[in-house]
Amino acid sequence: MTFGREHDLHKRRRGRNLGLGLVLIGFVAIMFGLTVVKVTEGQFAQALAGVSRSE
């Protein structure tokens, strides 16, 4: 079974999907990093509740 040559539309769509995937991975990494920093600073309850404490 052989497949035909890939159409230009599919190549462009793959590029857009790859770009969007990288953006989403970056966003998740930033959110994970912020969560880790909040938890390691001893603000676990505030991190879960989404409340910031004034000091």
Protein backbone atom coordinates (compact mmCIF):
# COMPACT_ATOMS: atom_id res chain seq x y z
CA MET A 1 0.00 0.00 0.00
CA THR A 2 1.53 3.28 -1.04
CA PHE A 3 0.42 6.74 -0.14
CA GLY A 4 0.48 9.67 -2.52
CA ARG A 5 2.60 12.74 -2.16
CA GLU A 6 1.62 14.95 0.79
CA HIS A 7 -0.39 18.01 -0.17
CA ASP A 8 0.92 21.50 0.65
CA LEU A 9 -2.11 22.15 2.86
CA HIS A 10 -1.11 19.27 5.14
CA LYS A 11 2.44 20.58 5.45
CA ARG A 12 1.20 24.04 6.50
CA ARG A 13 -1.31 22.56 8.92
CA ARG A 14 1.42 20.41 10.50
CA GLY A 15 3.55 23.54 10.97
CA ARG A 16 0.70 25.40 12.65
CA ASN A 17 -0.07 22.46 14.89
CA LEU A 18 3.57 22.19 15.90
CA GLY A 19 3.69 25.91 16.72
CA LEU A 20 0.50 25.76 18.76
CA GLY A 21 1.76 22.67 20.58
CA LEU A 22 4.98 24.45 21.53
CA VAL A 23 3.05 27.47 22.80
CA LEU A 24 0.79 25.24 24.92
CA ILE A 25 3.77 23.34 26.33
CA GLY A 26 5.41 26.66 27.22
CA PHE A 27 2.25 27.86 28.97
CA VAL A 28 1.97 24.64 30.97
CA ALA A 29 5.65 24.89 31.94
CA ILE A 30 5.18 28.46 33.20
CA MET A 31 2.10 27.51 35.24
CA PHE A 32 3.90 24.48 36.68
CA GLY A 33 6.92 26.60 37.60
CA LEU A 34 4.78 29.21 39.33
CA THR A 35 2.95 26.50 41.26
CA VAL A 36 6.21 24.88 42.38
CA VAL A 37 7.57 28.22 43.57
CA LYS A 38 4.41 29.00 45.55
CA VAL A 39 4.36 25.57 47.18
CA THR A 40 8.06 25.58 48.08
CA GLU A 41 7.71 29.02 49.69
CA GLY A 42 5.36 27.47 52.25
CA GLN A 43 2.20 28.95 50.78
CA PHE A 44 0.57 25.64 49.97
CA ALA A 45 -2.91 26.58 51.22
CA GLN A 46 -2.82 29.92 49.38
CA ALA A 47 -1.62 28.21 46.20
CA LEU A 48 -4.57 25.81 46.32
CA ALA A 49 -7.10 28.54 47.13
CA GLY A 50 -5.63 31.05 44.68
CA VAL A 51 -5.43 33.68 47.40
CA SER A 52 -2.39 35.88 47.92
CA ARG A 53 -1.39 36.85 51.46
CA SER A 54 -0.33 40.45 52.19
CA GLU A 55 2.85 40.66 54.20
